[in-house]
Amino acid sequence: MNFDDAKGLAFAGRMNAPGHGMMTPGAQFGAPRQAQYNKQKEYSFLDTLDPKNQPKGYAPGYKKGEERLGTSIMAVAFNGGVVIGADSRTSTGSYVANRVSDKLTQVTDFVYCLRSGSAADTQAISEIAKYYLSIHAVESDDDVKVATAAHIFRDLCYHNKDRLMAGIIVGGWDSAKGGQVYSIPLGGSVVEQPFAIGGSGSTYIYGYCDDHFKPGMSKTECEDFVKRALAHAMTRDGSSGGVIRMVTITKDGPVRSFVDHNDLPVRQ
């Protein structure tokens, strides 16, 4: 606060004391800022489109805000492993901040998480979970179970649910149960599912997934299922796009694959 602002606040305090009438909101900051307050009252949405009124670093009409993973993420379990996939678009309001981001985060040798929500929140959660799981692996002298990783994420999301915007899908393979998929939505619950979808693009493909999912699909069928479902979500959802990144996790470890935007399996 500068000296002029301090004088204005002191003046407002005297005027709001007993015996004085209440001041207008603009006059709280002193008479010199009354004109500025009046100008702000007349500020309309159309004014936000004027480049002269834009904060430095923002394009006209775009919303300020944190980077969000307006996204499409998906994981499908099969007999022997799991296939996970995501689009690559990260947005700040209407502005695409990153068109080739990687939303598939490896937390152990055989477990990945898929992130949707606030990019900052989900990156922090995945790094903290990875740290806890690395300590657990050393202390137990054994491979981390997928369920253990999912419940670590659940614990972090649940106990910080009033401060986070994070939807997580955990997928991986372990020697106890094979391929597994766990969904941790906003709020911090955890549910094991044969397949899980998340992000803003998921609302467009619930019907597609219910119609095309079949229990007992092979690895190739799961990869094709994930690829086609994500491509459909990316064509419908304005906050999803870019390329498709996929990881197939089996007892032999994770194998990454990539689908270029020009090769998306969608109807033209």
C-alpha atoms as a PDB file:
ATOM      1  CA  MET A   1       0.000   0.000   0.000  1.00  0.00           C
ATOM      2  CA  ASN A   2       1.407   3.423  -0.927  1.00  0.00           C
ATOM      3  CA  PHE A   3       1.119   6.638   1.058  1.00  0.00           C
ATOM      4  CA  ASP A   4      -1.849   7.998  -0.894  1.00  0.00           C
ATOM      5  CA  ASP A   5      -3.815   4.774  -0.354  1.00  0.00           C
ATOM      6  CA  ALA A   6      -3.054   4.898   3.375  1.00  0.00           C
ATOM      7  CA  LYS A   7      -4.358   8.476   3.582  1.00  0.00           C
ATOM      8  CA  GLY A   8      -7.479   7.448   1.718  1.00  0.00           C
ATOM      9  CA  LEU A   9      -8.206   4.551   4.106  1.00  0.00           C
ATOM     10  CA  ALA A  10      -7.678   6.788   7.125  1.00  0.00           C
ATOM     11  CA  PHE A  11     -10.053   9.352   5.658  1.00  0.00           C
ATOM     12  CA  ALA A  12     -12.638   6.599   5.017  1.00  0.00           C
ATOM     13  CA  GLY A  13     -12.329   5.454   8.643  1.00  0.00           C
ATOM     14  CA  ARG A  14     -13.103   8.929   9.935  1.00  0.00           C
ATOM     15  CA  MET A  15     -16.071   9.352   7.625  1.00  0.00           C
ATOM     16  CA  ASN A  16     -17.541   5.979   8.665  1.00  0.00           C
ATOM     17  CA  ALA A  17     -17.241   6.796  12.353  1.00  0.00           C
ATOM     18  CA  PRO A  18     -20.394   7.501  14.428  1.00  0.00           C
ATOM     19  CA  GLY A  19     -21.971  10.756  13.407  1.00  0.00           C
ATOM     20  CA  HIS A  20     -20.909  10.500   9.807  1.00  0.00           C
ATOM     21  CA  GLY A  21     -22.913   9.102   6.927  1.00  0.00           C
ATOM     22  CA  MET A  22     -21.818   5.956   5.089  1.00  0.00           C
ATOM     23  CA  MET A  23     -19.665   6.619   2.060  1.00  0.00           C
ATOM     24  CA  THR A  24     -20.017   5.254  -1.447  1.00  0.00           C
ATOM     25  CA  PRO A  25     -17.803   2.227  -2.199  1.00  0.00           C
ATOM     26  CA  GLY A  26     -15.513   4.289  -4.392  1.00  0.00           C
ATOM     27  CA  ALA A  27     -14.996   6.975  -1.761  1.00  0.00           C
ATOM     28  CA  GLN A  28     -13.607   4.413   0.722  1.00  0.00           C
ATOM     29  CA  PHE A  29     -10.288   4.794  -1.068  1.00  0.00           C
ATOM     30  CA  GLY A  30     -10.229   8.570  -0.958  1.00  0.00           C
ATOM     31  CA  ALA A  31     -11.633  11.257  -3.224  1.00  0.00           C
ATOM     32  CA  PRO A  32      -8.880  10.981  -5.874  1.00  0.00           C
ATOM     33  CA  ARG A  33     -10.035   7.431  -6.676  1.00  0.00           C
ATOM     34  CA  GLN A  34     -13.765   8.204  -6.899  1.00  0.00           C
ATOM     35  CA  ALA A  35     -13.490   8.871 -10.637  1.00  0.00           C
ATOM     36  CA  GLN A  36     -11.688   5.562 -11.123  1.00  0.00           C
ATOM     37  CA  TYR A  37     -14.481   3.732  -9.273  1.00  0.00           C
ATOM     38  CA  ASN A  38     -17.143   5.374 -11.431  1.00  0.00           C
ATOM     39  CA  LYS A  39     -15.258   4.304 -14.543  1.00  0.00           C
ATOM     40  CA  GLN A  40     -15.071   0.702 -13.318  1.00  0.00           C
ATOM     41  CA  LYS A  41     -18.858   0.615 -12.780  1.00  0.00           C
ATOM     42  CA  GLU A  42     -19.376   1.419 -16.456  1.00  0.00           C
ATOM     43  CA  TYR A  43     -16.943  -1.327 -17.563  1.00  0.00           C
ATOM     44  CA  SER A  44     -18.854  -3.866 -19.678  1.00  0.00           C
ATOM     45  CA  PHE A  45     -18.031  -7.239 -21.199  1.00  0.00           C
ATOM     46  CA  LEU A  46     -17.530  -5.593 -24.579  1.00  0.00           C
ATOM     47  CA  ASP A  47     -14.777  -3.503 -23.020  1.00  0.00           C
ATOM     48  CA  THR A  48     -12.866  -6.702 -22.213  1.00  0.00           C
ATOM     49  CA  LEU A  49     -12.544  -7.361 -25.953  1.00  0.00           C
ATOM     50  CA  ASP A  50     -10.647  -4.123 -26.452  1.00  0.00           C
ATOM     51  CA  PRO A  51      -6.892  -4.887 -26.567  1.00  0.00           C
ATOM     52  CA  LYS A  52      -6.202  -1.623 -24.704  1.00  0.00           C
ATOM     53  CA  ASN A  53      -7.988  -3.005 -21.627  1.00  0.00           C
ATOM     54  CA  GLN A  54      -6.216  -6.380 -21.556  1.00  0.00           C
ATOM     55  CA  PRO A  55      -3.660  -7.219 -18.860  1.00  0.00           C
ATOM     56  CA  LYS A  56      -0.195  -7.826 -20.208  1.00  0.00           C
ATOM     57  CA  GLY A  57       0.188 -11.415 -21.398  1.00  0.00           C
ATOM     58  CA  TYR A  58      -3.495 -12.126 -22.152  1.00  0.00           C
ATOM     59  CA  ALA A  59      -5.203 -12.141 -25.514  1.00  0.00           C
ATOM     60  CA  PRO A  60      -8.442 -10.152 -26.031  1.00  0.00           C
ATOM     61  CA  GLY A  61     -11.535 -11.766 -24.562  1.00  0.00           C
ATOM     62  CA  TYR A  62      -9.648 -14.574 -22.822  1.00  0.00           C
ATOM     63  CA  LYS A  63     -10.239 -15.385 -19.200  1.00  0.00           C
ATOM     64  CA  LYS A  64      -7.531 -15.046 -16.592  1.00  0.00           C
ATOM     65  CA  GLY A  65      -6.983 -18.093 -14.407  1.00  0.00           C
ATOM     66  CA  GLU A  66      -4.821 -21.038 -13.520  1.00  0.00           C
ATOM     67  CA  GLU A  67      -3.906 -23.646 -16.086  1.00  0.00           C
ATOM     68  CA  ARG A  68      -6.497 -26.408 -16.207  1.00  0.00           C
ATOM     69  CA  LEU A  69      -6.492 -29.802 -17.815  1.00  0.00           C
ATOM     70  CA  GLY A  70      -9.792 -29.461 -19.634  1.00  0.00           C
ATOM     71  CA  THR A  71      -9.215 -32.963 -20.755  1.00  0.00           C
ATOM     72  CA  SER A  72     -10.174 -36.462 -21.839  1.00  0.00           C
ATOM     73  CA  ILE A  73      -8.569 -39.336 -19.931  1.00  0.00           C
ATOM     74  CA  MET A  74      -9.338 -43.043 -20.025  1.00  0.00           C
ATOM     75  CA  ALA A  75      -8.110 -46.386 -18.670  1.00  0.00           C
ATOM     76  CA  VAL A  76      -9.246 -49.941 -19.487  1.00  0.00           C
ATOM     77  CA  ALA A  77      -8.167 -53.152 -17.751  1.00  0.00           C
ATOM     78  CA  PHE A  78      -7.728 -56.426 -19.639  1.00  0.00           C
ATOM     79  CA  ASN A  79      -6.560 -59.893 -18.701  1.00  0.00           C
ATOM     80  CA  GLY A  80      -2.852 -59.308 -18.220  1.00  0.00           C
ATOM     81  CA  GLY A  81      -2.603 -55.552 -17.942  1.00  0.00           C
ATOM     82  CA  VAL A  82      -4.160 -52.174 -18.518  1.00  0.00           C
ATOM     83  CA  VAL A  83      -4.304 -49.572 -21.300  1.00  0.00           C
ATOM     84  CA  ILE A  84      -4.380 -45.887 -20.378  1.00  0.00           C
ATOM     85  CA  GLY A  85      -4.667 -42.863 -22.656  1.00  0.00           C
ATOM     86  CA  ALA A  86      -5.218 -39.118 -22.704  1.00  0.00           C
ATOM     87  CA  ASP A  87      -5.355 -36.139 -25.013  1.00  0.00           C
ATOM     88  CA  SER A  88      -2.662 -33.463 -24.801  1.00  0.00           C
ATOM     89  CA  ARG A  89      -4.412 -30.089 -24.478  1.00  0.00           C
ATOM     90  CA  THR A  90      -3.847 -27.827 -21.450  1.00  0.00           C
ATOM     91  CA  SER A  91      -5.895 -24.625 -21.321  1.00  0.00           C
ATOM     92  CA  THR A  92      -6.046 -21.346 -19.400  1.00  0.00           C
ATOM     93  CA  GLY A  93      -9.648 -20.269 -19.809  1.00  0.00           C
ATOM     94  CA  SER A  94     -10.151 -20.174 -23.585  1.00  0.00           C
ATOM     95  CA  TYR A  95      -6.436 -20.044 -24.314  1.00  0.00           C
ATOM     96  CA  VAL A  96      -4.567 -23.279 -25.120  1.00  0.00           C
ATOM     97  CA  ALA A  97      -1.444 -23.000 -22.959  1.00  0.00           C
ATOM     98  CA  ASN A  98       0.083 -26.290 -24.119  1.00  0.00           C
ATOM     99  CA  ARG A  99      -1.099 -28.428 -27.032  1.00  0.00           C
ATOM    100  CA  VAL A 100       1.270 -31.363 -26.456  1.00  0.00           C
ATOM    101  CA  SER A 101       1.268 -31.818 -22.665  1.00  0.00           C
ATOM    102  CA  ASP A 102       1.769 -35.271 -21.116  1.00  0.00           C
ATOM    103  CA  LYS A 103      -1.059 -36.188 -18.722  1.00  0.00           C
ATOM    104  CA  LEU A 104       0.193 -39.747 -18.146  1.00  0.00           C
ATOM    105  CA  THR A 105       2.406 -39.658 -15.048  1.00  0.00           C
ATOM    106  CA  GLN A 106       4.424 -42.669 -13.951  1.00  0.00           C
ATOM    107  CA  VAL A 107       4.444 -43.093 -10.165  1.00  0.00           C
ATOM    108  CA  THR A 108       6.026 -46.581  -9.931  1.00  0.00           C
ATOM    109  CA  ASP A 109       7.502 -49.033 -12.425  1.00  0.00           C
ATOM    110  CA  PHE A 110       4.075 -50.574 -13.102  1.00  0.00           C
ATOM    111  CA  VAL A 111       1.606 -47.859 -12.030  1.00  0.00           C
ATOM    112  CA  TYR A 112       0.576 -44.673 -13.826  1.00  0.00           C
ATOM    113  CA  CYS A 113      -1.895 -41.934 -12.991  1.00  0.00           C
ATOM    114  CA  LEU A 114      -3.976 -39.826 -15.378  1.00  0.00           C
ATOM    115  CA  ARG A 115      -4.614 -36.236 -14.352  1.00  0.00           C
ATOM    116  CA  SER A 116      -7.619 -33.952 -14.855  1.00  0.00           C
ATOM    117  CA  GLY A 117      -8.525 -30.686 -13.147  1.00  0.00           C
ATOM    118  CA  SER A 118      -5.996 -28.042 -12.138  1.00  0.00           C
ATOM    119  CA  ALA A 119      -2.611 -28.730 -13.702  1.00  0.00           C
ATOM    120  CA  ALA A 120      -0.793 -27.359 -10.658  1.00  0.00           C
ATOM    121  CA  ASP A 121      -2.843 -29.408  -8.183  1.00  0.00           C
ATOM    122  CA  THR A 122      -2.536 -32.691 -10.062  1.00  0.00           C
ATOM    123  CA  GLN A 123       1.185 -32.259 -10.677  1.00  0.00           C
ATOM    124  CA  ALA A 124       1.751 -31.644  -6.964  1.00  0.00           C
ATOM    125  CA  ILE A 125      -0.395 -34.628  -5.941  1.00  0.00           C
ATOM    126  CA  SER A 126       1.353 -37.003  -8.351  1.00  0.00           C
ATOM    127  CA  GLU A 127       4.799 -35.921  -7.142  1.00  0.00           C
ATOM    128  CA  ILE A 128       3.837 -36.349  -3.477  1.00  0.00           C
ATOM    129  CA  ALA A 129       2.253 -39.749  -4.159  1.00  0.00           C
ATOM    130  CA  LYS A 130       5.347 -40.841  -6.094  1.00  0.00           C
ATOM    131  CA  TYR A 131       7.510 -39.872  -3.108  1.00  0.00           C
ATOM    132  CA  TYR A 132       5.375 -41.821  -0.618  1.00  0.00           C
ATOM    133  CA  LEU A 133       5.220 -44.868  -2.893  1.00  0.00           C
ATOM    134  CA  SER A 134       9.004 -44.906  -3.369  1.00  0.00           C
ATOM    135  CA  ILE A 135       9.461 -44.966   0.410  1.00  0.00           C
ATOM    136  CA  HIS A 136       6.838 -47.709   0.729  1.00  0.00           C
ATOM    137  CA  ALA A 137       8.617 -49.829  -1.893  1.00  0.00           C
ATOM    138  CA  VAL A 138      11.924 -49.557  -0.008  1.00  0.00           C
ATOM    139  CA  GLU A 139      10.385 -50.316   3.390  1.00  0.00           C
ATOM    140  CA  SER A 140       8.321 -53.283   2.162  1.00  0.00           C
ATOM    141  CA  ASP A 141      11.039 -54.579  -0.205  1.00  0.00           C
ATOM    142  CA  ASP A 142       8.300 -55.462  -2.673  1.00  0.00           C
ATOM    143  CA  ASP A 143       6.571 -54.067  -5.732  1.00  0.00           C
ATOM    144  CA  VAL A 144       3.888 -51.495  -4.976  1.00  0.00           C
ATOM    145  CA  LYS A 145       0.328 -52.790  -5.425  1.00  0.00           C
ATOM    146  CA  VAL A 146      -1.961 -50.772  -7.673  1.00  0.00           C
ATOM    147  CA  ALA A 147      -4.563 -50.570  -4.888  1.00  0.00           C
ATOM    148  CA  THR A 148      -1.943 -49.101  -2.544  1.00  0.00           C
ATOM    149  CA  ALA A 149      -1.118 -46.365  -5.051  1.00  0.00           C
ATOM    150  CA  ALA A 150      -4.820 -45.625  -5.590  1.00  0.00           C
ATOM    151  CA  HIS A 151      -5.446 -45.256  -1.861  1.00  0.00           C
ATOM    152  CA  ILE A 152      -2.456 -42.951  -1.471  1.00  0.00           C
ATOM    153  CA  PHE A 153      -4.007 -40.692  -4.116  1.00  0.00           C
ATOM    154  CA  ARG A 154      -7.399 -41.006  -2.423  1.00  0.00           C
ATOM    155  CA  ASP A 155      -5.926 -39.982   0.923  1.00  0.00           C
ATOM    156  CA  LEU A 156      -4.252 -36.902  -0.549  1.00  0.00           C
ATOM    157  CA  CYS A 157      -7.362 -35.840  -2.479  1.00  0.00           C
ATOM    158  CA  TYR A 158      -9.806 -36.463   0.373  1.00  0.00           C
ATOM    159  CA  HIS A 159      -7.897 -34.649   3.115  1.00  0.00           C
ATOM    160  CA  ASN A 160      -7.293 -31.644   0.856  1.00  0.00           C
ATOM    161  CA  LYS A 161     -10.587 -31.636  -1.027  1.00  0.00           C
ATOM    162  CA  ASP A 162     -11.416 -28.058  -0.001  1.00  0.00           C
ATOM    163  CA  ARG A 163      -8.148 -26.811  -1.534  1.00  0.00           C
ATOM    164  CA  LEU A 164      -7.778 -28.947  -4.645  1.00  0.00           C
ATOM    165  CA  MET A 165      -9.406 -29.465  -8.007  1.00  0.00           C
ATOM    166  CA  ALA A 166      -8.126 -32.880  -9.010  1.00  0.00           C
ATOM    167  CA  GLY A 167      -9.710 -35.884 -10.699  1.00  0.00           C
ATOM    168  CA  ILE A 168      -7.335 -38.842 -10.905  1.00  0.00           C
ATOM    169  CA  ILE A 169      -7.432 -42.238 -12.607  1.00  0.00           C
ATOM    170  CA  VAL A 170      -4.868 -44.800 -11.433  1.00  0.00           C
ATOM    171  CA  GLY A 171      -4.030 -47.735 -13.676  1.00  0.00           C
ATOM    172  CA  GLY A 172      -1.365 -50.400 -13.472  1.00  0.00           C
ATOM    173  CA  TRP A 173      -0.358 -54.023 -13.083  1.00  0.00           C
ATOM    174  CA  ASP A 174       0.779 -56.045 -10.054  1.00  0.00           C
ATOM    175  CA  SER A 175       1.428 -59.714  -9.391  1.00  0.00           C
ATOM    176  CA  ALA A 176      -1.532 -60.017  -7.000  1.00  0.00           C
ATOM    177  CA  LYS A 177      -4.457 -58.946  -9.212  1.00  0.00           C
ATOM    178  CA  GLY A 178      -3.016 -58.206 -12.651  1.00  0.00           C
ATOM    179  CA  GLY A 179      -4.310 -55.151 -14.490  1.00  0.00           C
ATOM    180  CA  GLN A 180      -6.458 -52.776 -12.430  1.00  0.00           C
ATOM    181  CA  VAL A 181      -8.135 -49.398 -12.851  1.00  0.00           C
ATOM    182  CA  TYR A 182      -9.166 -47.092 -10.000  1.00  0.00           C
ATOM    183  CA  SER A 183     -11.089 -43.833 -10.315  1.00  0.00           C
ATOM    184  CA  ILE A 184     -10.563 -41.032  -7.761  1.00  0.00           C
ATOM    185  CA  PRO A 185     -13.056 -38.260  -8.651  1.00  0.00           C
ATOM    186  CA  LEU A 186     -13.361 -34.811  -7.066  1.00  0.00           C
ATOM    187  CA  GLY A 187     -13.878 -35.211  -3.332  1.00  0.00           C
ATOM    188  CA  GLY A 188     -11.526 -38.130  -2.794  1.00  0.00           C
ATOM    189  CA  SER A 189     -13.499 -41.364  -3.072  1.00  0.00           C
ATOM    190  CA  VAL A 190     -11.910 -44.389  -4.752  1.00  0.00           C
ATOM    191  CA  VAL A 191     -13.689 -46.969  -6.940  1.00  0.00           C
ATOM    192  CA  GLU A 192     -12.211 -49.927  -8.809  1.00  0.00           C
ATOM    193  CA  GLN A 193     -13.749 -50.248 -12.287  1.00  0.00           C
ATOM    194  CA  PRO A 194     -13.202 -52.339 -15.419  1.00  0.00           C
ATOM    195  CA  PHE A 195     -12.724 -49.048 -17.254  1.00  0.00           C
ATOM    196  CA  ALA A 196     -12.780 -45.405 -16.224  1.00  0.00           C
ATOM    197  CA  ILE A 197     -13.118 -42.106 -18.077  1.00  0.00           C
ATOM    198  CA  GLY A 198     -12.642 -38.580 -16.789  1.00  0.00           C
ATOM    199  CA  GLY A 199     -12.236 -34.930 -17.676  1.00  0.00           C
ATOM    200  CA  SER A 200     -14.489 -32.547 -19.578  1.00  0.00           C
ATOM    201  CA  GLY A 201     -14.424 -34.720 -22.705  1.00  0.00           C
ATOM    202  CA  SER A 202     -15.765 -37.760 -20.853  1.00  0.00           C
ATOM    203  CA  THR A 203     -19.300 -36.365 -20.879  1.00  0.00           C
ATOM    204  CA  TYR A 204     -19.408 -36.883 -24.673  1.00  0.00           C
ATOM    205  CA  ILE A 205     -18.388 -40.555 -24.661  1.00  0.00           C
ATOM    206  CA  TYR A 206     -20.333 -42.250 -21.841  1.00  0.00           C
ATOM    207  CA  GLY A 207     -22.777 -43.679 -24.347  1.00  0.00           C
ATOM    208  CA  TYR A 208     -20.008 -44.741 -26.728  1.00  0.00           C
ATOM    209  CA  CYS A 209     -18.089 -46.494 -23.946  1.00  0.00           C
ATOM    210  CA  ASP A 210     -21.166 -48.259 -22.546  1.00  0.00           C
ATOM    211  CA  ASP A 211     -22.032 -49.504 -26.019  1.00  0.00           C
ATOM    212  CA  HIS A 212     -18.558 -50.623 -27.130  1.00  0.00           C
ATOM    213  CA  PHE A 213     -17.010 -51.958 -23.913  1.00  0.00           C
ATOM    214  CA  LYS A 214     -16.972 -55.753 -23.670  1.00  0.00           C
ATOM    215  CA  PRO A 215     -15.669 -57.753 -20.679  1.00  0.00           C
ATOM    216  CA  GLY A 216     -12.660 -59.889 -21.524  1.00  0.00           C
ATOM    217  CA  MET A 217     -11.291 -57.754 -24.362  1.00  0.00           C
ATOM    218  CA  SER A 218      -7.767 -58.464 -25.588  1.00  0.00           C
ATOM    219  CA  LYS A 219      -4.901 -55.982 -25.397  1.00  0.00           C
ATOM    220  CA  THR A 220      -5.329 -54.998 -29.043  1.00  0.00           C
ATOM    221  CA  GLU A 221      -9.076 -54.497 -28.614  1.00  0.00           C
ATOM    222  CA  CYS A 222      -8.509 -52.324 -25.529  1.00  0.00           C
ATOM    223  CA  GLU A 223      -5.958 -50.173 -27.332  1.00  0.00           C
ATOM    224  CA  ASP A 224      -8.366 -49.650 -30.230  1.00  0.00           C
ATOM    225  CA  PHE A 225     -11.225 -48.934 -27.787  1.00  0.00           C
ATOM    226  CA  VAL A 226      -9.217 -46.267 -25.945  1.00  0.00           C
ATOM    227  CA  LYS A 227      -7.983 -44.710 -29.177  1.00  0.00           C
ATOM    228  CA  ARG A 228     -11.440 -44.401 -30.744  1.00  0.00           C
ATOM    229  CA  ALA A 229     -13.146 -43.177 -27.562  1.00  0.00           C
ATOM    230  CA  LEU A 230     -10.557 -40.440 -26.980  1.00  0.00           C
ATOM    231  CA  ALA A 231     -10.651 -39.383 -30.631  1.00  0.00           C
ATOM    232  CA  HIS A 232     -14.431 -38.995 -30.392  1.00  0.00           C
ATOM    233  CA  ALA A 233     -14.132 -36.926 -27.172  1.00  0.00           C
ATOM    234  CA  MET A 234     -11.477 -34.696 -28.721  1.00  0.00           C
ATOM    235  CA  THR A 235     -13.664 -33.891 -31.732  1.00  0.00           C
ATOM    236  CA  ARG A 236     -16.613 -32.907 -29.514  1.00  0.00           C
ATOM    237  CA  ASP A 237     -14.973 -31.195 -26.530  1.00  0.00           C
ATOM    238  CA  GLY A 238     -13.405 -27.791 -27.100  1.00  0.00           C
ATOM    239  CA  SER A 239     -11.150 -28.206 -24.073  1.00  0.00           C
ATOM    240  CA  SER A 240      -9.672 -31.476 -25.377  1.00  0.00           C
ATOM    241  CA  GLY A 241      -7.433 -31.883 -28.383  1.00  0.00           C
ATOM    242  CA  GLY A 242      -3.926 -32.273 -29.687  1.00  0.00           C
ATOM    243  CA  VAL A 243      -2.577 -35.814 -29.891  1.00  0.00           C
ATOM    244  CA  ILE A 244      -3.350 -39.067 -28.075  1.00  0.00           C
ATOM    245  CA  ARG A 245      -0.740 -40.480 -25.715  1.00  0.00           C
ATOM    246  CA  MET A 246      -1.214 -44.077 -24.593  1.00  0.00           C
ATOM    247  CA  VAL A 247       0.588 -46.522 -22.306  1.00  0.00           C
ATOM    248  CA  THR A 248       0.028 -50.281 -22.209  1.00  0.00           C
ATOM    249  CA  ILE A 249       1.169 -51.787 -18.892  1.00  0.00           C
ATOM    250  CA  THR A 250       1.753 -55.537 -18.498  1.00  0.00           C
ATOM    251  CA  LYS A 251       4.062 -57.762 -16.447  1.00  0.00           C
ATOM    252  CA  ASP A 252       6.792 -56.864 -18.940  1.00  0.00           C
ATOM    253  CA  GLY A 253       6.503 -53.184 -18.048  1.00  0.00           C
ATOM    254  CA  PRO A 254       4.966 -50.097 -19.685  1.00  0.00           C
ATOM    255  CA  VAL A 255       5.032 -49.476 -23.432  1.00  0.00           C
ATOM    256  CA  ARG A 256       4.196 -46.013 -24.733  1.00  0.00           C
ATOM    257  CA  SER A 257       2.425 -45.269 -27.992  1.00  0.00           C
ATOM    258  CA  PHE A 258       1.362 -42.109 -29.775  1.00  0.00           C
ATOM    259  CA  VAL A 259      -1.372 -41.130 -32.212  1.00  0.00           C
ATOM    260  CA  ASP A 260      -0.776 -37.970 -34.219  1.00  0.00           C
ATOM    261  CA  HIS A 261      -3.639 -35.521 -34.688  1.00  0.00           C
ATOM    262  CA  ASN A 262      -3.743 -36.274 -38.421  1.00  0.00           C
ATOM    263  CA  ASP A 263      -4.110 -39.992 -37.718  1.00  0.00           C
ATOM    264  CA  LEU A 264      -7.041 -39.828 -35.289  1.00  0.00           C
ATOM    265  CA  PRO A 265      -9.636 -42.538 -36.104  1.00  0.00           C
ATOM    266  CA  VAL A 266     -12.644 -40.249 -36.548  1.00  0.00           C
ATOM    267  CA  ARG A 267     -15.220 -39.872 -39.259  1.00  0.00           C
ATOM    268  CA  GLN A 268     -14.560 -36.991 -41.628  1.00  0.00           C
END
